[in-house]
Structures are given as C-alpha cells and as structure tokens.
C-alpha cells in the first residue's frame, strides 16, 4: 500500500493493480502515477500505471 497525493490535494491509500504486479515497476517517492479510485471507498484506489 502506498500513500498517494492527488492533483486536488487529497491523500488516498492505493495498492498496485494486478496487471501492474506482473511487470517490474519501481515506485519511489515523488513518482507520478495514474490512480483508479474505488467507487465504494473514495479514500482507496489502485495504481494503474507509472507516468
């Protein structure tokens, strides 16, 4: 789980999406990522890609 700051200033907890787990992706502090927010819990999401 990662703490991600969105462009609007909110912070959400996000895990890595299953499709991204198969690739070797290194996420470090300050990396820009694309996040898909959960419909049920707006404070949770999935990291779908590294930008």
Protein backbone atom coordinates (compact mmCIF):
# COMPACT_ATOMS: atom_id res chain seq x y z
CA UNK A 1 0.00 0.00 0.00
CA UNK A 2 1.17 3.47 -0.91
CA UNK A 3 0.04 6.91 0.21
CA UNK A 4 -0.72 8.93 -2.92
CA UNK A 5 -1.33 12.68 -3.12
CA UNK A 6 -3.79 13.55 -5.87
CA UNK A 7 -3.66 16.71 -8.01
CA UNK A 8 -6.52 18.24 -5.99
CA UNK A 9 -4.51 17.84 -2.75
CA UNK A 10 -6.31 14.82 -1.27
CA UNK A 11 -4.34 11.86 0.06
CA UNK A 12 -5.54 8.33 -0.64
CA UNK A 13 -4.17 4.85 0.04
CA UNK A 14 -3.51 2.92 -3.13
CA UNK A 15 -2.29 -0.57 -3.90
CA UNK A 16 -0.72 -1.79 -7.11
CA UNK A 17 -3.19 -3.09 -9.70
CA UNK A 18 -2.91 -6.81 -10.57
CA UNK A 19 -1.87 -6.05 -14.16
CA UNK A 20 1.00 -3.88 -12.91
CA UNK A 21 2.26 -6.53 -10.45
CA UNK A 22 3.44 -8.76 -13.30
CA UNK A 23 5.77 -6.07 -14.64
CA UNK A 24 8.85 -4.94 -12.75
CA UNK A 25 7.78 -1.47 -11.68
CA UNK A 26 9.74 0.53 -9.15
CA UNK A 27 7.75 3.16 -7.34
CA UNK A 28 9.71 5.71 -5.35
CA UNK A 29 8.70 8.84 -3.51
CA UNK A 30 7.83 11.59 -5.99
CA UNK A 31 6.99 9.23 -8.87
CA UNK A 32 3.94 10.26 -10.88
CA UNK A 33 1.31 7.54 -11.22
CA UNK A 34 -2.20 7.10 -12.53
CA UNK A 35 -4.74 6.06 -9.87
CA UNK A 36 -8.19 4.50 -10.29
CA UNK A 37 -10.30 5.43 -7.26
CA UNK A 38 -12.67 2.93 -5.68
CA UNK A 39 -16.39 3.60 -6.12
CA UNK A 40 -17.21 2.24 -2.65
CA UNK A 41 -14.45 3.97 -0.66
CA UNK A 42 -13.16 7.29 -2.07
CA UNK A 43 -10.07 7.08 0.18
CA UNK A 44 -8.78 3.91 -1.53
CA UNK A 45 -7.57 3.23 -5.05
CA UNK A 46 -5.37 1.22 -7.37
CA UNK A 47 -2.21 2.39 -9.10
CA UNK A 48 -2.77 1.51 -12.76
CA UNK A 49 0.37 2.90 -14.41
CA UNK A 50 3.56 4.82 -13.82
CA UNK A 51 3.75 8.03 -15.83
